[in-house]
C-alpha atoms as a PDB file:
ATOM      1  CA  MET A   1      -0.046  -0.085   0.084  1.00  0.00           C
ATOM      2  CA  GLY A   2       2.949   2.410   0.833  1.00  0.00           C
ATOM      3  CA  ARG A   3       4.203   1.880  -2.766  1.00  0.00           C
ATOM      4  CA  ILE A   4       0.711   2.645  -4.038  1.00  0.00           C
ATOM      5  CA  ARG A   5       0.569   5.773  -2.243  1.00  0.00           C
ATOM      6  CA  VAL A   6       4.074   7.098  -3.462  1.00  0.00           C
ATOM      7  CA  GLY A   7       3.017   6.064  -7.022  1.00  0.00           C
ATOM      8  CA  THR A   8      -0.010   8.210  -6.688  1.00  0.00           C
ATOM      9  CA  THR A   9       1.705  10.988  -5.081  1.00  0.00           C
ATOM     10  CA  ALA A  10       4.471  11.064  -7.861  1.00  0.00           C
ATOM     11  CA  LEU A  11       1.751  10.840 -10.425  1.00  0.00           C
ATOM     12  CA  THR A  12      -0.217  13.854  -9.113  1.00  0.00           C
ATOM     13  CA  VAL A  13       3.036  15.785  -8.719  1.00  0.00           C
ATOM     14  CA  ALA A  14       3.701  15.141 -12.429  1.00  0.00           C
ATOM     15  CA  VAL A  15       0.149  16.186 -13.413  1.00  0.00           C
ATOM     16  CA  VAL A  16       0.413  19.339 -11.620  1.00  0.00           C
ATOM     17  CA  ALA A  17       3.772  20.051 -13.227  1.00  0.00           C
ATOM     18  CA  LEU A  18       2.333  19.521 -16.627  1.00  0.00           C
ATOM     19  CA  ALA A  19      -0.631  21.789 -15.803  1.00  0.00           C
ATOM     20  CA  SER A  20       1.567  24.512 -14.680  1.00  0.00           C
ATOM     21  CA  ALA A  21       3.672  24.053 -17.729  1.00  0.00           C
ATOM     22  CA  ALA A  22       0.747  24.411 -19.931  1.00  0.00           C
ATOM     23  CA  ARG A  23      -0.489  27.575 -18.109  1.00  0.00           C
ATOM     24  CA  LEU A  24       3.180  29.098 -18.352  1.00  0.00           C
ATOM     25  CA  LEU A  25       3.238  28.432 -22.175  1.00  0.00           C
ATOM     26  CA  ALA A  26      -0.234  29.838 -22.697  1.00  0.00           C
ATOM     27  CA  ALA A  27       0.892  32.695 -20.618  1.00  0.00           C
ATOM     28  CA  ASP A  28       3.925  32.991 -23.036  1.00  0.00           C
ATOM     29  CA  VAL A  29       1.706  33.064 -26.017  1.00  0.00           C
ATOM     30  CA  ASP A  30      -0.532  35.675 -24.733  1.00  0.00           C
ATOM     31  CA  GLY A  31       2.271  37.960 -23.556  1.00  0.00           C
ATOM     32  CA  PHE A  32       4.054  37.419 -26.955  1.00  0.00           C
ATOM     33  CA  LEU A  33       0.971  38.501 -28.985  1.00  0.00           C
ATOM     34  CA  ALA A  34       0.414  41.338 -26.692  1.00  0.00           C
ATOM     35  CA  GLY A  35       4.024  42.547 -27.240  1.00  0.00           C
ATOM     36  CA  THR A  36       4.906  42.255 -23.415  1.00  0.00           C
ATOM     37  CA  THR A  37       7.574  39.649 -24.198  1.00  0.00           C
ATOM     38  CA  ARG A  38       9.620  38.724 -27.323  1.00  0.00           C
ATOM     39  CA  ASP A  39      10.158  35.247 -26.079  1.00  0.00           C
ATOM     40  CA  CYS A  40       7.901  32.522 -27.342  1.00  0.00           C
ATOM     41  CA  MET A  41      10.289  29.507 -27.835  1.00  0.00           C
ATOM     42  CA  ALA A  42       8.475  26.303 -28.671  1.00  0.00           C
ATOM     43  CA  CYS A  43       5.065  28.116 -28.723  1.00  0.00           C
ATOM     44  CA  ASP A  44       2.183  26.927 -30.977  1.00  0.00           C
ATOM     45  CA  LEU A  45       1.143  29.721 -33.178  1.00  0.00           C
ATOM     46  CA  SER A  46      -0.167  27.772 -36.018  1.00  0.00           C
ATOM     47  CA  GLY A  47      -2.743  28.880 -38.407  1.00  0.00           C
ATOM     48  CA  ARG A  48      -3.011  32.351 -36.552  1.00  0.00           C
ATOM     49  CA  ASP A  49      -3.477  35.820 -38.535  1.00  0.00           C
ATOM     50  CA  LEU A  50      -0.317  37.665 -37.653  1.00  0.00           C
ATOM     51  CA  ARG A  51      -0.266  39.809 -40.905  1.00  0.00           C
ATOM     52  CA  GLU A  52       2.174  42.943 -40.457  1.00  0.00           C
ATOM     53  CA  ARG A  53       2.839  42.342 -36.840  1.00  0.00           C
ATOM     54  CA  ASP A  54       6.109  43.558 -35.371  1.00  0.00           C
ATOM     55  CA  PHE A  55       8.128  40.649 -34.068  1.00  0.00           C
ATOM     56  CA  LYS A  56      11.660  41.876 -34.658  1.00  0.00           C
ATOM     57  CA  ARG A  57      14.311  40.417 -32.329  1.00  0.00           C
ATOM     58  CA  ALA A  58      11.780  37.796 -31.332  1.00  0.00           C
ATOM     59  CA  ARG A  59      12.903  34.427 -29.995  1.00  0.00           C
ATOM     60  CA  LEU A  60      10.886  31.862 -31.713  1.00  0.00           C
ATOM     61  CA  ASP A  61      13.218  28.739 -31.659  1.00  0.00           C
ATOM     62  CA  GLN A  62      11.328  25.599 -32.124  1.00  0.00           C
ATOM     63  CA  ALA A  63       8.126  27.510 -32.365  1.00  0.00           C
ATOM     64  CA  VAL A  64       5.250  25.906 -34.505  1.00  0.00           C
ATOM     65  CA  LEU A  65       3.965  28.437 -37.231  1.00  0.00           C
ATOM     66  CA  ARG A  66       2.552  26.005 -39.712  1.00  0.00           C
ATOM     67  CA  ASN A  67       0.109  27.670 -42.051  1.00  0.00           C
ATOM     68  CA  THR A  68       0.497  30.999 -40.101  1.00  0.00           C
ATOM     69  CA  ASP A  69      -0.030  34.340 -42.010  1.00  0.00           C
ATOM     70  CA  LEU A  70       2.717  36.531 -41.548  1.00  0.00           C
ATOM     71  CA  SER A  71       2.445  38.572 -44.540  1.00  0.00           C
ATOM     72  CA  GLY A  72       4.190  41.689 -44.286  1.00  0.00           C
ATOM     73  CA  ALA A  73       5.377  41.009 -40.799  1.00  0.00           C
ATOM     74  CA  THR A  74       8.785  42.046 -39.297  1.00  0.00           C
ATOM     75  CA  LEU A  75      10.923  39.345 -38.150  1.00  0.00           C
ATOM     76  CA  PHE A  76      14.228  41.385 -38.390  1.00  0.00           C
ATOM     77  CA  ARG A  77      17.029  39.667 -36.463  1.00  0.00           C
ATOM     78  CA  ALA A  78      14.433  37.054 -35.014  1.00  0.00           C
ATOM     79  CA  THR A  79      15.611  33.532 -34.149  1.00  0.00           C
ATOM     80  CA  LEU A  80      13.866  30.752 -35.645  1.00  0.00           C
ATOM     81  CA  VAL A  81      16.127  28.027 -35.167  1.00  0.00           C
ATOM     82  CA  LYS A  82      14.293  24.711 -35.960  1.00  0.00           C
ATOM     83  CA  ALA A  83      10.984  26.504 -36.186  1.00  0.00           C
ATOM     84  CA  ASP A  84       8.150  24.862 -38.195  1.00  0.00           C
ATOM     85  CA  LEU A  85       6.911  27.347 -40.843  1.00  0.00           C
ATOM     86  CA  ALA A  86       5.662  24.856 -43.408  1.00  0.00           C
ATOM     87  CA  GLY A  87       3.089  26.411 -45.509  1.00  0.00           C
ATOM     88  CA  ALA A  88       3.291  29.670 -43.856  1.00  0.00           C
ATOM     89  CA  LYS A  89       2.509  32.940 -45.539  1.00  0.00           C
ATOM     90  CA  LEU A  90       5.528  35.347 -45.439  1.00  0.00           C
ATOM     91  CA  LYS A  91       4.926  37.323 -48.532  1.00  0.00           C
ATOM     92  CA  ASP A  92       6.596  40.698 -48.290  1.00  0.00           C
ATOM     93  CA  ALA A  93       7.920  39.832 -44.746  1.00  0.00           C
ATOM     94  CA  ASN A  94      11.035  41.352 -43.599  1.00  0.00           C
ATOM     95  CA  LEU A  95      13.486  38.536 -42.259  1.00  0.00           C
ATOM     96  CA  ASN A  96      16.787  40.407 -42.593  1.00  0.00           C
ATOM     97  CA  LEU A  97      19.319  38.870 -40.522  1.00  0.00           C
ATOM     98  CA  VAL A  98      17.001  36.205 -39.174  1.00  0.00           C
ATOM     99  CA  ASP A  99      18.564  33.149 -37.626  1.00  0.00           C
ATOM    100  CA  ALA A 100      16.496  30.410 -39.226  1.00  0.00           C
ATOM    101  CA  LYS A 101      19.038  27.417 -39.100  1.00  0.00           C
ATOM    102  CA  TRP A 102      17.314  23.968 -39.658  1.00  0.00           C
ATOM    103  CA  ALA A 103      13.840  25.717 -39.903  1.00  0.00           C
ATOM    104  CA  ASP A 104      11.058  23.947 -42.023  1.00  0.00           C
ATOM    105  CA  PHE A 105       9.896  26.396 -44.700  1.00  0.00           C
ATOM    106  CA  SER A 106       8.563  23.633 -46.994  1.00  0.00           C
ATOM    107  CA  GLY A 107       5.788  24.913 -49.211  1.00  0.00           C
ATOM    108  CA  ALA A 108       5.922  28.341 -47.428  1.00  0.00           C
ATOM    109  CA  ASP A 109       5.112  31.781 -49.507  1.00  0.00           C
ATOM    110  CA  LEU A 110       8.170  33.732 -49.211  1.00  0.00           C
ATOM    111  CA  ALA A 111       7.435  35.855 -52.429  1.00  0.00           C
ATOM    112  CA  ALA A 112       9.228  39.297 -52.446  1.00  0.00           C
ATOM    113  CA  ALA A 113      10.459  38.717 -48.722  1.00  0.00           C
ATOM    114  CA  LEU A 114      13.435  40.529 -47.380  1.00  0.00           C
ATOM    115  CA  LEU A 115      16.051  37.877 -46.432  1.00  0.00           C
ATOM    116  CA  TYR A 116      19.400  39.747 -46.641  1.00  0.00           C
ATOM    117  CA  GLU A 117      22.171  38.068 -44.748  1.00  0.00           C
ATOM    118  CA  ALA A 118      19.553  35.569 -43.221  1.00  0.00           C
ATOM    119  CA  ASP A 119      20.963  32.397 -42.024  1.00  0.00           C
ATOM    120  CA  LEU A 120      19.181  29.546 -43.520  1.00  0.00           C
ATOM    121  CA  SER A 121      21.783  26.832 -43.160  1.00  0.00           C
ATOM    122  CA  GLY A 122      20.303  23.506 -43.265  1.00  0.00           C
ATOM    123  CA  ALA A 123      16.652  24.822 -43.747  1.00  0.00           C
ATOM    124  CA  ASN A 124      14.046  23.023 -45.781  1.00  0.00           C
ATOM    125  CA  LEU A 125      12.820  25.313 -48.393  1.00  0.00           C
ATOM    126  CA  ALA A 126      11.445  22.628 -50.670  1.00  0.00           C
ATOM    127  CA  ARG A 127       8.637  23.738 -52.900  1.00  0.00           C
ATOM    128  CA  ALA A 128       8.732  27.310 -51.141  1.00  0.00           C
ATOM    129  CA  ASN A 129       7.984  30.251 -53.434  1.00  0.00           C
ATOM    130  CA  LEU A 130      10.774  32.765 -53.052  1.00  0.00           C
ATOM    131  CA  ALA A 131       9.780  34.568 -56.418  1.00  0.00           C
ATOM    132  CA  GLY A 132      11.469  38.148 -56.187  1.00  0.00           C
ATOM    133  CA  ALA A 133      12.997  37.644 -52.737  1.00  0.00           C
ATOM    134  CA  ARG A 134      16.084  39.264 -51.658  1.00  0.00           C
ATOM    135  CA  LEU A 135      18.705  36.820 -50.608  1.00  0.00           C
ATOM    136  CA  GLY A 136      21.815  38.758 -50.859  1.00  0.00           C
ATOM    137  CA  ARG A 137      24.621  37.365 -48.611  1.00  0.00           C
ATOM    138  CA  ALA A 138      22.155  34.794 -47.169  1.00  0.00           C
ATOM    139  CA  ARG A 139      23.579  31.576 -45.780  1.00  0.00           C
ATOM    140  CA  LEU A 140      22.043  28.762 -47.583  1.00  0.00           C
ATOM    141  CA  ASN A 141      24.635  26.002 -46.945  1.00  0.00           C
ATOM    142  CA  GLN A 142      23.092  22.617 -47.178  1.00  0.00           C
ATOM    143  CA  ALA A 143      19.620  24.057 -47.540  1.00  0.00           C
ATOM    144  CA  ASN A 144      17.083  22.112 -49.444  1.00  0.00           C
ATOM    145  CA  LEU A 145      15.519  24.272 -52.327  1.00  0.00           C
ATOM    146  CA  GLU A 146      14.321  21.343 -54.329  1.00  0.00           C
ATOM    147  CA  SER A 147      11.217  22.538 -56.520  1.00  0.00           C
ATOM    148  CA  ALA A 148      11.392  25.924 -54.932  1.00  0.00           C
ATOM    149  CA  ARG A 149      10.332  29.077 -56.985  1.00  0.00           C
ATOM    150  CA  LEU A 150      13.262  31.459 -57.267  1.00  0.00           C
ATOM    151  CA  ALA A 151      12.169  33.397 -60.320  1.00  0.00           C
ATOM    152  CA  ARG A 152      13.732  36.993 -60.150  1.00  0.00           C
ATOM    153  CA  ALA A 153      15.219  36.212 -56.591  1.00  0.00           C
ATOM    154  CA  ASP A 154      18.519  38.067 -55.918  1.00  0.00           C
ATOM    155  CA  LEU A 155      21.218  35.535 -54.633  1.00  0.00           C
ATOM    156  CA  ARG A 156      24.241  37.723 -55.087  1.00  0.00           C
ATOM    157  CA  GLY A 157      26.761  36.941 -52.358  1.00  0.00           C
ATOM    158  CA  ALA A 158      24.723  34.036 -51.107  1.00  0.00           C
ATOM    159  CA  ARG A 159      26.264  31.142 -49.644  1.00  0.00           C
ATOM    160  CA  LEU A 160      25.254  28.060 -51.703  1.00  0.00           C
ATOM    161  CA  ALA A 161      27.693  25.333 -50.572  1.00  0.00           C
ATOM    162  CA  GLY A 162      25.666  21.893 -50.706  1.00  0.00           C
ATOM    163  CA  VAL A 163      22.388  23.537 -51.649  1.00  0.00           C
ATOM    164  CA  LYS A 164      19.919  21.060 -53.304  1.00  0.00           C
ATOM    165  CA  LEU A 165      18.309  22.781 -56.303  1.00  0.00           C
ATOM    166  CA  LYS A 166      16.907  19.831 -58.255  1.00  0.00           C
ATOM    167  CA  GLY A 167      13.801  20.916 -60.056  1.00  0.00           C
ATOM    168  CA  ALA A 168      13.874  24.807 -58.846  1.00  0.00           C
ATOM    169  CA  ASP A 169      12.837  27.586 -61.014  1.00  0.00           C
ATOM    170  CA  LEU A 170      15.666  29.931 -61.256  1.00  0.00           C
ATOM    171  CA  ARG A 171      14.526  32.170 -64.156  1.00  0.00           C
ATOM    172  CA  ALA A 172      15.728  35.829 -64.195  1.00  0.00           C
ATOM    173  CA  VAL A 173      17.829  35.208 -61.136  1.00  0.00           C
ATOM    174  CA  LYS A 174      20.629  37.389 -59.919  1.00  0.00           C
ATOM    175  CA  LEU A 175      23.797  35.286 -59.398  1.00  0.00           C
ATOM    176  CA  ASP A 176      26.550  37.607 -60.499  1.00  0.00           C
ATOM    177  CA  GLY A 177      29.992  36.552 -59.233  1.00  0.00           C
ATOM    178  CA  GLN A 178      28.446  33.622 -57.502  1.00  0.00           C
ATOM    179  CA  ASN A 179      30.576  30.407 -56.744  1.00  0.00           C
ATOM    180  CA  LEU A 180      28.645  27.476 -58.363  1.00  0.00           C
ATOM    181  CA  ARG A 181      31.704  25.226 -58.677  1.00  0.00           C
ATOM    182  CA  GLY A 182      30.940  21.545 -59.243  1.00  0.00           C
ATOM    183  CA  MET A 183      27.361  21.897 -58.498  1.00  0.00           C
ATOM    184  CA  ASP A 184      24.580  19.792 -59.803  1.00  0.00           C
ATOM    185  CA  LEU A 185      22.339  22.313 -61.880  1.00  0.00           C
ATOM    186  CA  SER A 186      21.281  19.820 -64.472  1.00  0.00           C
ATOM    187  CA  GLY A 187      17.929  20.479 -66.024  1.00  0.00           C
ATOM    188  CA  ILE A 188      17.556  23.844 -64.296  1.00  0.00           C
ATOM    189  CA  ASP A 189      15.758  26.795 -65.906  1.00  0.00           C
ATOM    190  CA  PHE A 190      18.073  29.897 -65.688  1.00  0.00           C
ATOM    191  CA  THR A 191      16.284  31.584 -68.651  1.00  0.00           C
ATOM    192  CA  MET A 192      17.405  35.380 -68.754  1.00  0.00           C
ATOM    193  CA  SER A 193      19.327  35.221 -65.657  1.00  0.00           C
ATOM    194  CA  ASP A 194      22.310  37.448 -64.774  1.00  0.00           C
ATOM    195  CA  MET A 195      25.431  35.226 -64.231  1.00  0.00           C
ATOM    196  CA  VAL A 196      28.301  37.514 -64.758  1.00  0.00           C
ATOM    197  CA  GLU A 197      31.726  36.381 -63.684  1.00  0.00           C
ATOM    198  CA  ALA A 198      30.005  33.401 -61.852  1.00  0.00           C
ATOM    199  CA  ASP A 199      32.139  30.449 -61.348  1.00  0.00           C
ATOM    200  CA  LEU A 200      30.649  27.218 -62.745  1.00  0.00           C
ATOM    201  CA  SER A 201      33.968  25.372 -63.132  1.00  0.00           C
ATOM    202  CA  GLY A 202      33.090  21.586 -63.261  1.00  0.00           C
ATOM    203  CA  ALA A 203      29.357  22.210 -62.767  1.00  0.00           C
ATOM    204  CA  ASP A 204      27.004  19.762 -64.130  1.00  0.00           C
ATOM    205  CA  LEU A 205      24.615  21.954 -66.382  1.00  0.00           C
ATOM    206  CA  HIS A 206      23.348  19.116 -68.850  1.00  0.00           C
ATOM    207  CA  ASP A 207      20.097  19.744 -70.090  1.00  0.00           C
ATOM    208  CA  ALA A 208      19.862  23.124 -68.355  1.00  0.00           C
ATOM    209  CA  ASN A 209      18.065  26.264 -70.012  1.00  0.00           C
ATOM    210  CA  LEU A 210      20.681  29.030 -70.208  1.00  0.00           C
ATOM    211  CA  SER A 211      18.834  30.906 -73.076  1.00  0.00           C
ATOM    212  CA  GLY A 212      19.381  34.681 -72.846  1.00  0.00           C
ATOM    213  CA  VAL A 213      21.579  34.273 -69.694  1.00  0.00           C
ATOM    214  CA  ASP A 214      24.313  36.939 -69.243  1.00  0.00           C
ATOM    215  CA  LEU A 215      27.521  34.802 -68.616  1.00  0.00           C
ATOM    216  CA  PHE A 216      29.959  37.565 -69.349  1.00  0.00           C
ATOM    217  CA  GLY A 217      33.360  36.569 -67.968  1.00  0.00           C
ATOM    218  CA  ALA A 218      31.988  33.340 -66.335  1.00  0.00           C
ATOM    219  CA  ARG A 219      34.248  30.441 -65.667  1.00  0.00           C
ATOM    220  CA  LEU A 220      32.867  27.311 -67.296  1.00  0.00           C
ATOM    221  CA  ASN A 221      36.083  25.052 -67.414  1.00  0.00           C
ATOM    222  CA  GLY A 222      35.287  21.470 -67.298  1.00  0.00           C
ATOM    223  CA  ALA A 223      31.552  22.142 -67.026  1.00  0.00           C
ATOM    224  CA  ASN A 224      29.200  19.677 -68.454  1.00  0.00           C
ATOM    225  CA  LEU A 225      27.015  21.532 -71.025  1.00  0.00           C
ATOM    226  CA  THR A 226      25.742  18.607 -72.983  1.00  0.00           C
ATOM    227  CA  GLY A 227      22.303  19.161 -74.279  1.00  0.00           C
ATOM    228  CA  ALA A 228      21.984  22.618 -72.584  1.00  0.00           C
ATOM    229  CA  ASN A 229      20.201  25.541 -74.212  1.00  0.00           C
ATOM    230  CA  LEU A 230      22.367  28.587 -74.687  1.00  0.00           C
ATOM    231  CA  GLU A 231      20.392  30.312 -77.461  1.00  0.00           C
ATOM    232  CA  GLY A 232      21.091  34.055 -77.128  1.00  0.00           C
ATOM    233  CA  ALA A 233      23.099  33.780 -74.168  1.00  0.00           C
ATOM    234  CA  ASN A 234      26.383  36.084 -73.589  1.00  0.00           C
ATOM    235  CA  LEU A 235      29.455  34.224 -73.224  1.00  0.00           C
ATOM    236  CA  ALA A 236      31.675  37.048 -74.136  1.00  0.00           C
ATOM    237  CA  ASN A 237      35.084  36.627 -72.120  1.00  0.00           C
ATOM    238  CA  ALA A 238      33.720  33.458 -70.573  1.00  0.00           C
ATOM    239  CA  ALA A 239      36.281  30.414 -70.163  1.00  0.00           C
ATOM    240  CA  LEU A 240      35.045  27.029 -71.717  1.00  0.00           C
ATOM    241  CA  THR A 241      38.358  25.040 -71.490  1.00  0.00           C
ATOM    242  CA  GLU A 242      37.455  21.299 -71.443  1.00  0.00           C
ATOM    243  CA  ALA A 243      33.687  21.994 -71.073  1.00  0.00           C
ATOM    244  CA  ARG A 244      31.530  19.285 -72.661  1.00  0.00           C
ATOM    245  CA  THR A 245      29.279  21.037 -75.276  1.00  0.00           C
ATOM    246  CA  GLU A 246      27.918  17.866 -77.309  1.00  0.00           C
ATOM    247  CA  GLY A 247      24.253  18.647 -78.201  1.00  0.00           C
ATOM    248  CA  ALA A 248      24.363  22.128 -76.861  1.00  0.00           C
ATOM    249  CA  LYS A 249      22.380  25.003 -78.619  1.00  0.00           C
ATOM    250  CA  PHE A 250      24.189  27.954 -79.544  1.00  0.00           C
ATOM    251  CA  ASP A 251      21.928  29.799 -81.716  1.00  0.00           C
ATOM    252  CA  ALA A 252      22.713  33.534 -81.856  1.00  0.00           C
ATOM    253  CA  THR A 253      24.717  33.196 -78.512  1.00  0.00           C
ATOM    254  CA  ILE A 254      27.701  35.673 -78.019  1.00  0.00           C
ATOM    255  CA  MET A 255      30.845  33.435 -77.860  1.00  0.00           C
ATOM    256  CA  PRO A 256      33.798  34.016 -75.797  1.00  0.00           C
ATOM    257  CA  ASP A 257      35.485  35.829 -78.790  1.00  0.00           C
ATOM    258  CA  GLY A 258      32.798  38.307 -78.827  1.00  0.00           C
ATOM    259  CA  LYS A 259      31.312  37.110 -81.920  1.00  0.00           C
ATOM    260  CA  ARG A 260      27.678  36.037 -82.396  1.00  0.00           C
ATOM    261  CA  ALA A 261      27.150  32.295 -83.373  1.00  0.00           C
ATOM    262  CA  ALA A 262      25.393  31.629 -86.516  1.00  0.00           C
ATOM    263  CA  GLN A 263      21.964  30.154 -86.385  1.00  0.00           C
ATOM    264  CA  GLN A 264      21.970  26.350 -86.567  1.00  0.00           C
ATOM    265  CA  SER A 265      20.054  24.838 -89.275  1.00  0.00           C
ATOM    266  CA  ASN A 266      17.443  22.333 -88.277  1.00  0.00           C
END
């Protein structure tokens, strides 16, 4: 009987502790939404309408923000480490200098969002909409951007080591001076992008669409361009030593010597 009483007491203590923790968490959420605190770590804010709210420098590590509407919100210098933002709406949001390492943004809408110097290392951005987003000098090391929409995004100075881009839409992106050495960029649509002086040495670009791309001074040494479409691209001053070009299209392309290639007959 003594053991039963001890067990019952322990269970009661545990239940009280859990209830207290739940009340504390609820108080954190209420205080956070009221603006009296900037800390809401591991909070559940999923599905809420938080449009144009000011959450700069907020601590939201491991918070659940699935399908939350944060359109136009300010998250400047906020921490979102391992936060769940799958399906969240972040269109026009300010995420400059945000720390979102290993966060889940899968399927999120980040169109025209500000992400200058954001740390997205290891983040999941698969299928995310980043059209027109400003990602200058952002850290995207080991991030997953498979099937993400990046049309018109600014990626100048971004760190892309180990990033996954399979199936991504990179039309009209800004990648001037970017280091893309040895990356798997096969089949990606780069139509009308700016890649001036980009380093694509050893990159796999087979079947990629590079039509109309500005590759002035780009380094393509040893790159795999088999089957790639370079129609109308600018390759003036570009280096193509040992590049594989079997089946590549060069109609009206400005070649490294500055001369435009003749249109190929069908």
